[in-house]
Amino acid sequence: MISIKKLSKNYGDVKAVKSISFEINPGEVVGFLGANGAGKSTTLKMITGFLTPTKGDIHINGLNIKDSLLDIQKDIGYLPELNPLYNEMKVYDVLEFTANIRGIIGADFKKALNHVSNQCGLKGVIHKSISECSKGYKQRIGLACAMIHNPSILILDEPVTGLDPNQIIEIRQLIKELGKEKLVLMSSHILQEIQATVDRIIIINNGEIVADGSNEKLLNEYKGKCTLKIETVGSTKKDLIVMCKELNIPIQNIHKEGKNHITTIEYDKLIDPREKIFSYAVKSNWIIVEMTPQSAGLESIFRKLTTGADTNE
């Protein structure tokens, strides 16, 4: 379990993390989202003990990181954003080196090596030089190094950065499998990847937590208004403006495509205006070619929470 209470980190006058608090329980796969400079990596480095907090408390599995740093680091696997691999070494050698640092030697190393090689799919490259491996395999090797001591907690900083779509899918599947037996906290700039991988999302902006919940919870709480795309035949731009004014529906955009007009409106998610619009169109002798509602997705919610941009833009 990870428990963060009023955690802050200052770099001189710059407040990188501002009194944040959250808890993560065993068996959760949690995505940590934020724009560049939001405080993601700084927070992860404090949780792993690589940075000392300015203020606040970090408890890992009941231990205070101020008093029990080495014991806590024994139970954490950490893959930083810049994967620290020695390209001139063979995969086997770097895993052995990492295991030996952890005090895992002899038969215990062979057992650990077999376990992480199977989990991370490294059997085919175990005797290759790291420099010969693809970026996807290098990420797998980094994960294996983080897991060689079988930690109960995995902290992954941008684990899919620079990977192609096939490699991303492979790492995603691996992380989801690991989440069945470990607590996983991962950051990523790829919103769709977070949405497809994690059970819960924490969004940080300017050093502060601005959202925390499951995909479904965030969509329900933050999507606010929905948009509706209406394509009509037989109406003019002026007609559509009058309709929206009479029905009290805010217009986002009206443009013409051929003989048809495309109108985009916004409405409260609890009040669906489509029946009124249809009745108005029938009375006006218009033809409705399309009327498609579009709810806010994670990307628009992220933009709203981190830039203030409306989810409908």
Protein backbone atom coordinates (compact mmCIF):
# COMPACT_ATOMS: atom_id res chain seq x y z
CA MET A 1 0.00 0.00 0.00
CA ILE A 2 1.14 3.54 -0.77
CA SER A 3 -0.11 6.35 1.48
CA ILE A 4 0.79 9.95 0.62
CA LYS A 5 -0.18 12.76 3.00
CA LYS A 6 0.35 16.48 2.31
CA LEU A 7 3.45 15.79 0.21
CA SER A 8 5.37 18.81 -1.10
CA LYS A 9 8.60 19.39 -2.99
CA ASN A 10 10.21 22.77 -3.57
CA TYR A 11 13.19 23.60 -5.77
CA GLY A 12 14.16 26.94 -4.33
CA ASP A 13 11.20 29.24 -4.98
CA VAL A 14 9.61 26.75 -7.40
CA LYS A 15 6.88 24.61 -5.83
CA ALA A 16 6.93 21.45 -7.94
CA VAL A 17 4.52 19.45 -5.76
CA LYS A 18 2.02 21.20 -3.48
CA SER A 19 0.68 19.28 -0.50
CA ILE A 20 -0.83 16.32 -2.36
CA SER A 21 -2.50 13.33 -0.69
CA PHE A 22 -3.71 9.96 -2.02
CA GLU A 23 -3.67 6.25 -1.23
CA ILE A 24 -3.17 3.23 -3.49
CA ASN A 25 -4.09 -0.26 -2.35
CA PRO A 26 -2.58 -3.63 -3.32
CA GLY A 27 -3.97 -5.00 -6.59
CA GLU A 28 -4.63 -1.57 -8.12
CA VAL A 29 -3.16 -0.43 -11.44
CA VAL A 30 -3.14 3.36 -11.25
CA GLY A 31 -2.32 5.87 -13.97
CA PHE A 32 -0.61 9.12 -12.96
CA LEU A 33 -1.36 11.80 -15.55
CA GLY A 34 -0.15 15.33 -15.99
CA ALA A 35 1.36 17.70 -18.53
CA ASN A 36 5.11 18.27 -18.71
CA GLY A 37 6.26 19.94 -15.49
CA ALA A 38 3.08 19.02 -13.60
CA GLY A 39 5.01 17.15 -10.88
CA LYS A 40 4.60 13.51 -11.99
CA SER A 41 8.23 12.42 -12.07
CA THR A 42 9.05 14.44 -8.96
CA THR A 43 6.29 12.65 -7.06
CA LEU A 44 7.43 9.21 -8.26
CA LYS A 45 11.03 9.98 -7.31
CA MET A 46 9.91 10.94 -3.80
CA ILE A 47 7.86 7.75 -3.44
CA THR A 48 10.86 5.66 -4.47
CA GLY A 49 13.23 7.54 -2.17
CA PHE A 50 15.35 9.17 -4.88
CA LEU A 51 14.21 12.65 -3.80
CA THR A 52 13.64 13.91 -0.27
CA PRO A 53 10.28 15.67 0.26
CA THR A 54 10.24 19.26 1.46
CA LYS A 55 7.18 18.44 3.57
CA GLY A 56 4.71 15.64 4.06
CA ASP A 57 4.68 11.92 4.75
CA ILE A 58 5.12 8.83 2.62
CA HIS A 59 4.17 5.42 4.02
CA ILE A 60 4.82 2.26 2.00
CA ASN A 61 3.28 -0.94 3.34
CA GLY A 62 2.98 0.69 6.74
CA LEU A 63 6.58 1.96 6.91
CA ASN A 64 7.54 5.64 6.99
CA ILE A 65 10.04 6.38 4.23
CA LYS A 66 11.91 8.80 6.51
CA ASP A 67 12.75 6.00 8.93
CA SER A 68 12.80 2.87 6.75
CA LEU A 69 14.05 3.91 3.30
CA LEU A 70 16.19 0.82 2.61
CA ASP A 71 13.49 -1.59 3.75
CA ILE A 72 10.95 0.19 1.55
CA GLN A 73 13.25 0.18 -1.50
CA LYS A 74 13.60 -3.59 -1.13
CA ASP A 75 9.89 -3.91 -1.88
CA ILE A 76 9.69 -1.43 -4.78
CA GLY A 77 10.53 -2.02 -8.42
CA TYR A 78 11.23 1.26 -10.23
CA LEU A 79 11.54 1.89 -13.97
CA PRO A 80 12.49 5.56 -14.48
CA GLU A 81 11.62 7.48 -17.63
CA LEU A 82 15.20 7.16 -18.93
CA ASN A 83 15.69 3.40 -18.85
CA PRO A 84 19.13 2.92 -17.18
CA LEU A 85 20.60 0.03 -19.19
CA TYR A 86 24.21 -0.75 -20.06
CA ASN A 87 24.13 -1.25 -23.83
CA GLU A 88 27.49 -3.05 -23.95
CA MET A 89 26.28 -5.78 -21.57
CA LYS A 90 24.30 -8.87 -22.46
CA VAL A 91 20.73 -9.16 -21.19
CA TYR A 92 21.68 -12.07 -18.93
CA ASP A 93 24.61 -10.14 -17.44
CA VAL A 94 22.64 -6.98 -16.66
CA LEU A 95 19.93 -9.03 -14.94
CA GLU A 96 22.56 -10.92 -12.95
CA PHE A 97 24.27 -7.64 -12.02
CA THR A 98 20.96 -6.11 -10.88
CA ALA A 99 20.04 -9.24 -8.91
CA ASN A 100 23.44 -9.40 -7.21
CA ILE A 101 23.06 -5.80 -6.03
CA ARG A 102 19.84 -6.95 -4.41
CA GLY A 103 21.65 -9.86 -2.75
CA ILE A 104 20.08 -12.44 -5.06
CA ILE A 105 22.76 -14.96 -6.07
CA GLY A 106 23.26 -18.60 -7.00
CA ALA A 107 20.15 -20.76 -7.17
CA ASP A 108 17.97 -17.84 -6.05
CA PHE A 109 19.15 -15.83 -9.07
CA LYS A 110 18.46 -18.70 -11.47
CA LYS A 111 14.93 -18.95 -10.09
CA ALA A 112 14.37 -15.18 -10.28
CA LEU A 113 15.83 -15.04 -13.79
CA ASN A 114 13.54 -17.78 -15.04
CA HIS A 115 10.52 -16.03 -13.51
CA VAL A 116 11.14 -12.55 -14.97
CA SER A 117 12.28 -13.95 -18.32
CA ASN A 118 8.96 -15.75 -18.68
CA GLN A 119 6.90 -12.79 -17.46
CA CYS A 120 8.67 -10.25 -19.66
CA GLY A 121 9.14 -12.49 -22.69
CA LEU A 122 12.95 -12.33 -22.75
CA LYS A 123 13.79 -15.97 -23.54
CA GLY A 124 14.66 -15.14 -27.14
CA VAL A 125 17.12 -12.33 -26.30
CA ILE A 126 18.59 -13.43 -22.98
CA HIS A 127 22.09 -13.94 -24.48
CA LYS A 128 22.03 -10.93 -26.82
CA SER A 129 23.76 -7.63 -26.17
CA ILE A 130 21.33 -4.95 -25.06
CA SER A 131 22.51 -2.77 -27.95
CA GLU A 132 21.13 -5.39 -30.35
CA CYS A 133 17.64 -5.28 -28.80
CA SER A 134 14.73 -3.18 -30.05
CA LYS A 135 13.24 -0.34 -27.98
CA GLY A 136 10.37 -2.63 -27.03
CA TYR A 137 12.72 -5.30 -25.74
CA LYS A 138 14.78 -2.69 -23.89
CA GLN A 139 11.63 -1.63 -22.04
CA ARG A 140 10.98 -5.29 -21.22
CA ILE A 141 14.55 -5.62 -19.94
CA GLY A 142 14.07 -2.50 -17.79
CA LEU A 143 10.89 -4.01 -16.38
CA ALA A 144 12.69 -7.28 -15.69
CA CYS A 145 15.42 -5.38 -13.80
CA ALA A 146 12.72 -3.63 -11.76
CA MET A 147 11.06 -6.98 -11.01
CA ILE A 148 14.07 -9.26 -10.45
CA HIS A 149 13.64 -9.07 -6.65
CA ASN A 150 9.88 -9.77 -6.87
CA PRO A 151 8.66 -6.50 -5.31
CA SER A 152 5.05 -6.02 -4.29
CA ILE A 153 5.02 -2.50 -5.78
CA LEU A 154 5.97 -1.45 -9.31
CA ILE A 155 6.46 2.23 -10.18
CA LEU A 156 6.82 2.92 -13.90
CA ASP A 157 7.61 6.38 -15.25
CA GLU A 158 6.51 6.69 -18.91
CA PRO A 159 6.99 2.96 -19.68
CA VAL A 160 5.69 3.20 -23.29
CA THR A 161 7.49 6.37 -24.42
CA GLY A 162 9.05 5.93 -27.86
CA LEU A 163 7.44 2.56 -28.58
CA ASP A 164 5.58 1.74 -31.78
CA PRO A 165 1.89 0.65 -31.61
CA ASN A 166 2.71 -3.07 -31.54
CA GLN A 167 5.28 -2.60 -28.77
CA ILE A 168 2.84 -0.47 -26.79
CA ILE A 169 0.24 -3.25 -26.93
CA GLU A 170 2.84 -5.78 -25.73
CA ILE A 171 3.90 -3.62 -22.76
CA ARG A 172 0.26 -2.84 -21.96
CA GLN A 173 -0.61 -6.52 -21.76
CA LEU A 174 2.43 -7.15 -19.59
CA ILE A 175 1.51 -4.34 -17.17
CA LYS A 176 -2.09 -5.58 -16.92
CA GLU A 177 -0.82 -9.07 -16.10
CA LEU A 178 1.56 -7.69 -13.47
CA GLY A 179 -1.33 -5.75 -11.96
CA LYS A 180 -3.02 -9.02 -11.02
CA GLU A 181 -0.36 -9.66 -8.39
CA LYS A 182 1.26 -6.28 -7.68
CA LEU A 183 0.39 -2.67 -6.99
CA VAL A 184 1.32 -0.77 -10.16
CA LEU A 185 1.65 3.02 -10.39
CA MET A 186 2.51 4.28 -13.88
CA SER A 187 2.76 7.67 -15.51
CA SER A 188 2.22 8.30 -19.21
CA HIS A 189 1.58 11.08 -21.70
CA ILE A 190 -0.43 8.69 -23.87
CA LEU A 191 -3.97 9.14 -22.59
CA GLN A 192 -5.48 6.32 -24.62
CA GLU A 193 -2.83 3.99 -23.22
CA ILE A 194 -3.64 4.95 -19.65
CA GLN A 195 -7.34 4.47 -20.32
CA ALA A 196 -6.74 1.00 -21.77
CA THR A 197 -4.35 -0.16 -19.04
CA VAL A 198 -5.29 1.16 -15.61
CA ASP A 199 -8.16 0.77 -13.14
CA ARG A 200 -7.87 4.28 -11.72
CA ILE A 201 -6.51 7.64 -12.84
CA ILE A 202 -4.91 10.41 -10.78
CA ILE A 203 -4.41 13.71 -12.62
CA ILE A 204 -1.88 16.24 -11.33
CA ASN A 205 -1.65 19.83 -12.56
CA ASN A 206 0.82 22.48 -11.40
CA GLY A 207 1.79 20.24 -8.49
CA GLU A 208 -1.77 19.66 -7.27
CA ILE A 209 -4.14 16.69 -7.58
CA VAL A 210 -7.10 17.83 -9.70
CA ALA A 211 -8.86 14.48 -10.24
CA ASP A 212 -8.81 10.96 -8.83
CA GLY A 213 -11.06 8.07 -9.82
CA SER A 214 -11.89 5.31 -12.28
CA ASN A 215 -12.33 6.06 -15.99
CA GLU A 216 -16.10 5.84 -15.56
CA LYS A 217 -16.13 8.10 -12.50
CA LEU A 218 -14.05 10.79 -14.22
CA LEU A 219 -16.20 10.68 -17.34
CA ASN A 220 -19.37 11.01 -15.27
CA GLU A 221 -18.04 13.79 -13.03
CA TYR A 222 -16.12 15.95 -15.47
CA LYS A 223 -17.66 15.60 -18.89
CA GLY A 224 -20.19 18.32 -18.01
CA LYS A 225 -21.83 19.21 -21.30
CA CYS A 226 -22.16 17.07 -24.42
CA THR A 227 -21.98 18.11 -28.04
CA LEU A 228 -24.45 17.29 -30.80
CA LYS A 229 -23.67 17.32 -34.51
CA ILE A 230 -26.72 18.05 -36.68
CA GLU A 231 -26.68 17.85 -40.47
CA THR A 232 -29.74 19.37 -42.17
CA VAL A 233 -31.09 19.94 -45.69
CA GLY A 234 -33.48 22.79 -46.49
CA SER A 235 -32.35 25.13 -43.71
CA THR A 236 -30.31 28.30 -43.85
CA LYS A 237 -27.72 29.44 -41.36
CA LYS A 238 -30.16 32.11 -40.16
CA ASP A 239 -32.89 29.45 -39.69
CA LEU A 240 -30.58 27.35 -37.52
CA ILE A 241 -29.55 30.32 -35.39
CA VAL A 242 -33.23 31.18 -34.81
CA MET A 243 -34.00 27.55 -33.86
CA CYS A 244 -31.18 27.38 -31.32
CA LYS A 245 -32.23 30.71 -29.85
CA GLU A 246 -35.86 29.60 -29.49
CA LEU A 247 -34.84 26.25 -27.95
CA ASN A 248 -32.21 27.92 -25.74
CA ILE A 249 -29.37 25.75 -27.06
CA PRO A 250 -25.84 27.26 -27.29
CA ILE A 251 -24.26 27.02 -30.75
CA GLN A 252 -20.62 26.04 -31.13
CA ASN A 253 -20.36 26.16 -34.90
CA ILE A 254 -22.38 26.30 -38.13
CA HIS A 255 -20.86 25.65 -41.53
CA LYS A 256 -21.99 24.55 -44.96
CA GLU A 257 -20.94 21.38 -46.78
CA GLY A 258 -22.42 21.35 -50.28
CA LYS A 259 -26.17 21.99 -49.91
CA ASN A 260 -26.21 20.80 -46.29
CA HIS A 261 -25.62 22.73 -43.09
CA ILE A 262 -23.61 21.20 -40.23
CA THR A 263 -24.52 22.63 -36.83
CA THR A 264 -22.65 21.74 -33.65
CA ILE A 265 -24.41 22.57 -30.40
CA GLU A 266 -23.76 21.89 -26.74
CA TYR A 267 -26.19 20.74 -24.09
CA ASP A 268 -26.26 19.57 -20.50
CA LYS A 269 -25.80 15.81 -20.28
CA LEU A 270 -29.04 15.54 -18.27
CA ILE A 271 -31.16 17.37 -20.87
CA ASP A 272 -31.28 15.75 -24.31
CA PRO A 273 -32.63 18.26 -26.90
CA ARG A 274 -32.88 15.87 -29.86
CA GLU A 275 -36.68 15.38 -29.67
CA LYS A 276 -37.29 19.13 -29.67
CA ILE A 277 -34.86 19.64 -32.54
CA PHE A 278 -36.54 16.88 -34.57
CA SER A 279 -40.01 18.39 -33.99
CA TYR A 280 -38.74 21.85 -34.96
CA ALA A 281 -37.18 20.43 -38.16
CA VAL A 282 -40.44 18.67 -39.13
CA LYS A 283 -42.46 21.89 -38.67
CA SER A 284 -39.88 23.78 -40.74
CA ASN A 285 -39.87 21.19 -43.54
CA TRP A 286 -36.16 20.44 -43.08
CA ILE A 287 -34.59 17.04 -43.56
CA ILE A 288 -32.28 15.82 -40.79
CA VAL A 289 -29.51 13.74 -42.38
CA GLU A 290 -27.59 13.17 -39.13
CA MET A 291 -27.94 13.93 -35.44
CA THR A 292 -25.02 12.45 -33.48
CA PRO A 293 -24.28 13.11 -29.78
CA GLN A 294 -20.66 13.14 -28.67
CA SER A 295 -19.73 12.84 -24.99
CA ALA A 296 -16.47 14.14 -23.60
CA GLY A 297 -13.63 11.63 -23.52
CA LEU A 298 -10.56 11.36 -21.31
CA GLU A 299 -8.54 13.62 -23.60
CA SER A 300 -11.00 16.50 -23.37
CA ILE A 301 -11.36 16.03 -19.60
CA PHE A 302 -7.57 16.09 -19.26
CA ARG A 303 -7.40 19.32 -21.28
CA LYS A 304 -10.13 20.90 -19.19
CA LEU A 305 -8.41 20.02 -15.90
CA THR A 306 -4.89 20.93 -16.96
CA THR A 307 -5.41 23.92 -19.27
CA GLY A 308 -8.90 25.16 -18.48
CA ALA A 309 -10.01 24.47 -22.06
CA ASP A 310 -13.66 23.57 -22.44
CA THR A 311 -14.27 19.84 -23.01
CA ASN A 312 -16.28 20.67 -26.10
CA GLU A 313 -13.45 22.33 -27.99
